[in-house]
Amino acid sequence: LIDGNGKRFMEQYDPRMELAPRDI
C-alpha cells in the first residue's frame, strides 16, 4: 500500500503493515 506520493504508510500504524487485520 502506498499513498499518492508513492510512499508506504502502514508501518506507521501496525508492525504487521499490509498484513494487519482489515479494521486496522
PDB file of all heavy atoms in Angstrom:
ATOM      1  N   LEU A   1       0.844  -1.196   0.000  1.00  0.00           N
ATOM      2  CA  LEU A   1       0.000   0.000   0.000  1.00  0.00           C
ATOM      3  C   LEU A   1       0.878   1.245   0.000  1.00  0.00           C
ATOM      4  O   LEU A   1       1.806   1.367   0.815  1.00  0.00           O
ATOM      5  CB  LEU A   1      -0.916   0.005   1.223  1.00  0.00           C
ATOM      6  CG  LEU A   1      -2.100  -0.964   1.180  1.00  0.00           C
ATOM      7  CD1 LEU A   1      -2.709  -1.127   2.566  1.00  0.00           C
ATOM      8  CD2 LEU A   1      -3.160  -0.481   0.188  1.00  0.00           C
ATOM      9  N   ILE A   2       0.583   2.175  -0.900  1.00  0.00           N
ATOM     10  CA  ILE A   2       1.332   3.434  -0.973  1.00  0.00           C
ATOM     11  C   ILE A   2       0.361   4.604  -1.072  1.00  0.00           C
ATOM     12  O   ILE A   2      -0.790   4.441  -1.505  1.00  0.00           O
ATOM     13  CB  ILE A   2       2.295   3.452  -2.187  1.00  0.00           C
ATOM     14  CG1 ILE A   2       1.523   3.225  -3.497  1.00  0.00           C
ATOM     15  CG2 ILE A   2       3.388   2.405  -2.011  1.00  0.00           C
ATOM     16  CD1 ILE A   2       2.385   3.313  -4.755  1.00  0.00           C
ATOM     17  N   ASP A   3       0.808   5.759  -0.640  1.00  0.00           N
ATOM     18  CA  ASP A   3      -0.042   6.954  -0.738  1.00  0.00           C
ATOM     19  C   ASP A   3       0.147   7.628  -2.093  1.00  0.00           C
ATOM     20  O   ASP A   3       0.847   7.105  -2.979  1.00  0.00           O
ATOM     21  CB  ASP A   3       0.237   7.909   0.422  1.00  0.00           C
ATOM     22  CG  ASP A   3       1.661   8.463   0.428  1.00  0.00           C
ATOM     23  OD1 ASP A   3       2.339   8.402  -0.640  1.00  0.00           O
ATOM     24  OD2 ASP A   3       2.100   8.970   1.473  1.00  0.00           O
ATOM     25  N   GLY A   4      -0.448   8.801  -2.260  1.00  0.00           N
ATOM     26  CA  GLY A   4      -0.387   9.499  -3.534  1.00  0.00           C
ATOM     27  C   GLY A   4       1.010   9.941  -3.926  1.00  0.00           C
ATOM     28  O   GLY A   4       1.272  10.227  -5.099  1.00  0.00           O
ATOM     29  N   ASN A   5       1.918   9.966  -2.942  1.00  0.00           N
ATOM     30  CA  ASN A   5       3.306  10.335  -3.211  1.00  0.00           C
ATOM     31  C   ASN A   5       4.199   9.123  -3.441  1.00  0.00           C
ATOM     32  O   ASN A   5       5.427   9.259  -3.561  1.00  0.00           O
ATOM     33  CB  ASN A   5       3.862  11.164  -2.044  1.00  0.00           C
ATOM     34  CG  ASN A   5       3.097  12.458  -1.846  1.00  0.00           C
ATOM     35  OD1 ASN A   5       2.818  13.171  -2.817  1.00  0.00           O
ATOM     36  ND2 ASN A   5       2.736  12.766  -0.610  1.00  0.00           N
ATOM     37  N   GLY A   6       3.591   7.953  -3.464  1.00  0.00           N
ATOM     38  CA  GLY A   6       4.347   6.731  -3.692  1.00  0.00           C
ATOM     39  C   GLY A   6       5.039   6.186  -2.470  1.00  0.00           C
ATOM     40  O   GLY A   6       5.903   5.294  -2.576  1.00  0.00           O
ATOM     41  N   LYS A   7       4.663   6.641  -1.270  1.00  0.00           N
ATOM     42  CA  LYS A   7       5.311   6.204  -0.036  1.00  0.00           C
ATOM     43  C   LYS A   7       4.441   5.198   0.718  1.00  0.00           C
ATOM     44  O   LYS A   7       3.229   5.351   0.802  1.00  0.00           O
ATOM     45  CB  LYS A   7       5.581   7.415   0.867  1.00  0.00           C
ATOM     46  CG  LYS A   7       6.571   8.409   0.278  1.00  0.00           C
ATOM     47  CD  LYS A   7       6.798   9.568   1.247  1.00  0.00           C
ATOM     48  CE  LYS A   7       7.788  10.569   0.682  1.00  0.00           C
ATOM     49  NZ  LYS A   7       8.012  11.716   1.611  1.00  0.00           N
ATOM     50  N   ARG A   8       5.101   4.158   1.266  1.00  0.00           N
ATOM     51  CA  ARG A   8       4.379   3.219   2.123  1.00  0.00           C
ATOM     52  C   ARG A   8       4.000   3.916   3.433  1.00  0.00           C
ATOM     53  O   ARG A   8       4.736   4.783   3.917  1.00  0.00           O
ATOM     54  CB  ARG A   8       5.241   1.993   2.422  1.00  0.00           C
ATOM     55  CG  ARG A   8       5.518   1.132   1.204  1.00  0.00           C
ATOM     56  CD  ARG A   8       6.393  -0.060   1.564  1.00  0.00           C
ATOM     57  NE  ARG A   8       5.663  -1.024   2.390  1.00  0.00           N
ATOM     58  CZ  ARG A   8       6.231  -2.119   2.891  1.00  0.00           C
ATOM     59  NH1 ARG A   8       7.524  -2.365   2.678  1.00  0.00           N
ATOM     60  NH2 ARG A   8       5.508  -2.965   3.618  1.00  0.00           N
ATOM     61  N   PHE A   9       2.851   3.520   3.976  1.00  0.00           N
ATOM     62  CA  PHE A   9       2.389   4.190   5.199  1.00  0.00           C
ATOM     63  C   PHE A   9       1.949   3.236   6.300  1.00  0.00           C
ATOM     64  O   PHE A   9       1.789   3.646   7.450  1.00  0.00           O
ATOM     65  CB  PHE A   9       1.229   5.147   4.878  1.00  0.00           C
ATOM     66  CG  PHE A   9       0.053   4.497   4.192  1.00  0.00           C
ATOM     67  CD1 PHE A   9      -0.954   3.879   4.921  1.00  0.00           C
ATOM     68  CD2 PHE A   9      -0.045   4.500   2.810  1.00  0.00           C
ATOM     69  CE1 PHE A   9      -2.028   3.276   4.295  1.00  0.00           C
ATOM     70  CE2 PHE A   9      -1.122   3.897   2.167  1.00  0.00           C
ATOM     71  CZ  PHE A   9      -2.112   3.285   2.913  1.00  0.00           C
ATOM     72  N   MET A  10       1.762   1.958   6.015  1.00  0.00           N
ATOM     73  CA  MET A  10       1.210   1.047   7.019  1.00  0.00           C
ATOM     74  C   MET A  10       2.141   0.850   8.215  1.00  0.00           C
ATOM     75  O   MET A  10       1.680   0.540   9.319  1.00  0.00           O
ATOM     76  CB  MET A  10       0.873  -0.303   6.393  1.00  0.00           C
ATOM     77  CG  MET A  10      -0.472  -0.370   5.687  1.00  0.00           C
ATOM     78  SD  MET A  10      -1.867   0.187   6.705  1.00  0.00           S
ATOM     79  CE  MET A  10      -1.753  -0.912   8.114  1.00  0.00           C
ATOM     80  N   GLU A  11       3.441   1.029   8.013  1.00  0.00           N
ATOM     81  CA  GLU A  11       4.375   0.842   9.128  1.00  0.00           C
ATOM     82  C   GLU A  11       4.136   1.851  10.252  1.00  0.00           C
ATOM     83  O   GLU A  11       4.529   1.623  11.394  1.00  0.00           O
ATOM     84  CB  GLU A  11       5.815   0.956   8.635  1.00  0.00           C
ATOM     85  CG  GLU A  11       6.136   2.287   7.985  1.00  0.00           C
ATOM     86  CD  GLU A  11       7.492   2.284   7.295  1.00  0.00           C
ATOM     87  OE1 GLU A  11       8.099   1.201   7.185  1.00  0.00           O
ATOM     88  OE2 GLU A  11       7.917   3.370   6.859  1.00  0.00           O
ATOM     89  N   GLN A  12       3.453   2.956   9.952  1.00  0.00           N
ATOM     90  CA  GLN A  12       3.124   3.944  10.971  1.00  0.00           C
ATOM     91  C   GLN A  12       1.982   3.479  11.875  1.00  0.00           C
ATOM     92  O   GLN A  12       1.764   4.052  12.942  1.00  0.00           O
ATOM     93  CB  GLN A  12       2.719   5.275  10.320  1.00  0.00           C
ATOM     94  CG  GLN A  12       3.743   5.862   9.368  1.00  0.00           C
ATOM     95  CD  GLN A  12       3.173   7.043   8.599  1.00  0.00           C
ATOM     96  OE1 GLN A  12       2.457   7.880   9.165  1.00  0.00           O
ATOM     97  NE2 GLN A  12       3.465   7.106   7.306  1.00  0.00           N
ATOM     98  N   TYR A  13       1.238   2.461  11.434  1.00  0.00           N
ATOM     99  CA  TYR A  13       0.019   2.071  12.136  1.00  0.00           C
ATOM    100  C   TYR A  13       0.106   0.700  12.805  1.00  0.00           C
ATOM    101  O   TYR A  13      -0.540   0.482  13.831  1.00  0.00           O
ATOM    102  CB  TYR A  13      -1.160   2.071  11.151  1.00  0.00           C
ATOM    103  CG  TYR A  13      -1.447   3.437  10.579  1.00  0.00           C
ATOM    104  CD1 TYR A  13      -0.878   3.825   9.362  1.00  0.00           C
ATOM    105  CD2 TYR A  13      -2.263   4.337  11.252  1.00  0.00           C
ATOM    106  CE1 TYR A  13      -1.134   5.084   8.828  1.00  0.00           C
ATOM    107  CE2 TYR A  13      -2.528   5.600  10.725  1.00  0.00           C
ATOM    108  CZ  TYR A  13      -1.955   5.968   9.518  1.00  0.00           C
ATOM    109  OH  TYR A  13      -2.194   7.218   9.005  1.00  0.00           O
ATOM    110  N   ASP A  14       0.867  -0.235  12.240  1.00  0.00           N
ATOM    111  CA  ASP A  14       0.896  -1.583  12.798  1.00  0.00           C
ATOM    112  C   ASP A  14       2.162  -2.295  12.316  1.00  0.00           C
ATOM    113  O   ASP A  14       2.526  -2.176  11.132  1.00  0.00           O
ATOM    114  CB  ASP A  14      -0.350  -2.372  12.341  1.00  0.00           C
ATOM    115  CG  ASP A  14      -0.558  -3.660  13.122  1.00  0.00           C
ATOM    116  OD1 ASP A  14       0.140  -4.643  12.815  1.00  0.00           O
ATOM    117  OD2 ASP A  14      -1.413  -3.676  14.030  1.00  0.00           O
ATOM    118  N   PRO A  15       2.838  -3.020  13.197  1.00  0.00           N
ATOM    119  CA  PRO A  15       4.067  -3.712  12.781  1.00  0.00           C
ATOM    120  C   PRO A  15       3.841  -4.782  11.719  1.00  0.00           C
ATOM    121  O   PRO A  15       4.776  -5.173  11.021  1.00  0.00           O
ATOM    122  CB  PRO A  15       4.595  -4.303  14.093  1.00  0.00           C
ATOM    123  CG  PRO A  15       3.421  -4.354  15.007  1.00  0.00           C
ATOM    124  CD  PRO A  15       2.592  -3.180  14.642  1.00  0.00           C
ATOM    125  N   ARG A  16       2.599  -5.272  11.594  1.00  0.00           N
ATOM    126  CA  ARG A  16       2.304  -6.260  10.559  1.00  0.00           C
ATOM    127  C   ARG A  16       2.118  -5.605   9.199  1.00  0.00           C
ATOM    128  O   ARG A  16       1.967  -6.294   8.190  1.00  0.00           O
ATOM    129  CB  ARG A  16       1.043  -7.048  10.953  1.00  0.00           C
ATOM    130  CG  ARG A  16       1.227  -7.935  12.165  1.00  0.00           C
ATOM    131  CD  ARG A  16      -0.094  -8.415  12.761  1.00  0.00           C
ATOM    132  NE  ARG A  16      -0.829  -7.338  13.415  1.00  0.00           N
ATOM    133  CZ  ARG A  16      -1.943  -7.498  14.108  1.00  0.00           C
ATOM    134  NH1 ARG A  16      -2.451  -8.730  14.231  1.00  0.00           N
ATOM    135  NH2 ARG A  16      -2.547  -6.478  14.685  1.00  0.00           N
ATOM    136  N   MET A  17       2.077  -4.296   9.196  1.00  0.00           N
ATOM    137  CA  MET A  17       1.965  -3.481   7.973  1.00  0.00           C
ATOM    138  C   MET A  17       0.797  -3.941   7.088  1.00  0.00           C
ATOM    139  O   MET A  17      -0.331  -4.006   7.544  1.00  0.00           O
ATOM    140  CB  MET A  17       3.311  -3.456   7.247  1.00  0.00           C
ATOM    141  CG  MET A  17       4.393  -2.758   8.075  1.00  0.00           C
ATOM    142  SD  MET A  17       5.957  -2.520   7.218  1.00  0.00           S
ATOM    143  CE  MET A  17       6.636  -4.177   7.278  1.00  0.00           C
ATOM    144  N   GLU A  18       1.062  -4.287   5.816  1.00  0.00           N
ATOM    145  CA  GLU A  18      -0.025  -4.640   4.901  1.00  0.00           C
ATOM    146  C   GLU A  18      -0.789  -5.884   5.325  1.00  0.00           C
ATOM    147  O   GLU A  18      -1.926  -6.106   4.858  1.00  0.00           O
ATOM    148  CB  GLU A  18       0.518  -4.861   3.479  1.00  0.00           C
ATOM    149  CG  GLU A  18       0.772  -3.596   2.681  1.00  0.00           C
ATOM    150  CD  GLU A  18       2.076  -2.911   3.032  1.00  0.00           C
ATOM    151  OE1 GLU A  18       2.855  -3.490   3.838  1.00  0.00           O
ATOM    152  OE2 GLU A  18       2.326  -1.817   2.508  1.00  0.00           O
ATOM    153  N   LEU A  19      -0.198  -6.690   6.202  1.00  0.00           N
ATOM    154  CA  LEU A  19      -0.852  -7.922   6.646  1.00  0.00           C
ATOM    155  C   LEU A  19      -1.538  -7.772   8.002  1.00  0.00           C
ATOM    156  O   LEU A  19      -1.853  -8.768   8.663  1.00  0.00           O
ATOM    157  CB  LEU A  19       0.154  -9.069   6.680  1.00  0.00           C
ATOM    158  CG  LEU A  19       0.653  -9.526   5.300  1.00  0.00           C
ATOM    159  CD1 LEU A  19       1.641 -10.662   5.433  1.00  0.00           C
ATOM    160  CD2 LEU A  19      -0.515  -9.943   4.410  1.00  0.00           C
ATOM    161  N   ALA A  20      -1.772  -6.539   8.426  1.00  0.00           N
ATOM    162  CA  ALA A  20      -2.580  -6.302   9.630  1.00  0.00           C
ATOM    163  C   ALA A  20      -4.039  -6.655   9.332  1.00  0.00           C
ATOM    164  O   ALA A  20      -4.446  -6.708   8.160  1.00  0.00           O
ATOM    165  CB  ALA A  20      -2.465  -4.841  10.062  1.00  0.00           C
ATOM    166  N   PRO A  21      -4.843  -6.928  10.360  1.00  0.00           N
ATOM    167  CA  PRO A  21      -6.269  -7.199  10.131  1.00  0.00           C
ATOM    168  C   PRO A  21      -6.975  -6.044   9.432  1.00  0.00           C
ATOM    169  O   PRO A  21      -6.514  -4.893   9.447  1.00  0.00           O
ATOM    170  CB  PRO A  21      -6.806  -7.413  11.551  1.00  0.00           C
ATOM    171  CG  PRO A  21      -5.629  -7.894  12.323  1.00  0.00           C
ATOM    172  CD  PRO A  21      -4.455  -7.129  11.762  1.00  0.00           C
ATOM    173  N   ARG A  22      -8.125  -6.340   8.854  1.00  0.00           N
ATOM    174  CA  ARG A  22      -8.802  -5.393   7.964  1.00  0.00           C
ATOM    175  C   ARG A  22      -9.237  -4.097   8.642  1.00  0.00           C
ATOM    176  O   ARG A  22      -9.192  -3.031   8.021  1.00  0.00           O
ATOM    177  CB  ARG A  22     -10.017  -6.078   7.325  1.00  0.00           C
ATOM    178  CG  ARG A  22      -9.626  -7.148   6.340  1.00  0.00           C
ATOM    179  CD  ARG A  22     -10.829  -7.873   5.789  1.00  0.00           C
ATOM    180  NE  ARG A  22     -10.418  -8.861   4.803  1.00  0.00           N
ATOM    181  CZ  ARG A  22     -11.248  -9.700   4.208  1.00  0.00           C
ATOM    182  NH1 ARG A  22     -12.540  -9.672   4.523  1.00  0.00           N
ATOM    183  NH2 ARG A  22     -10.805 -10.561   3.323  1.00  0.00           N
ATOM    184  N   ASP A  23      -9.700  -4.178   9.891  1.00  0.00           N
ATOM    185  CA  ASP A  23     -10.155  -2.948  10.544  1.00  0.00           C
ATOM    186  C   ASP A  23      -9.015  -1.957  10.676  1.00  0.00           C
ATOM    187  O   ASP A  23      -9.176  -0.757  10.438  1.00  0.00           O
ATOM    188  CB  ASP A  23     -10.778  -3.262  11.910  1.00  0.00           C
ATOM    189  CG  ASP A  23      -9.828  -4.008  12.844  1.00  0.00           C
ATOM    190  OD1 ASP A  23      -8.950  -4.744  12.353  1.00  0.00           O
ATOM    191  OD2 ASP A  23      -9.985  -3.864  14.071  1.00  0.00           O
ATOM    192  N   ILE A  24      -7.825  -2.451  11.022  1.00  0.00           N
ATOM    193  CA  ILE A  24      -6.658  -1.576  11.192  1.00  0.00           C
ATOM    194  C   ILE A  24      -6.238  -0.982   9.856  1.00  0.00           C
ATOM    195  O   ILE A  24      -5.962   0.227   9.759  1.00  0.00           O
ATOM    196  CB  ILE A  24      -5.498  -2.373  11.840  1.00  0.00           C
ATOM    197  CG1 ILE A  24      -5.881  -2.777  13.265  1.00  0.00           C
ATOM    198  CG2 ILE A  24      -4.207  -1.566  11.832  1.00  0.00           C
ATOM    199  CD1 ILE A  24      -4.902  -3.722  13.923  1.00  0.00           C
TER     200      ILE A  24
END
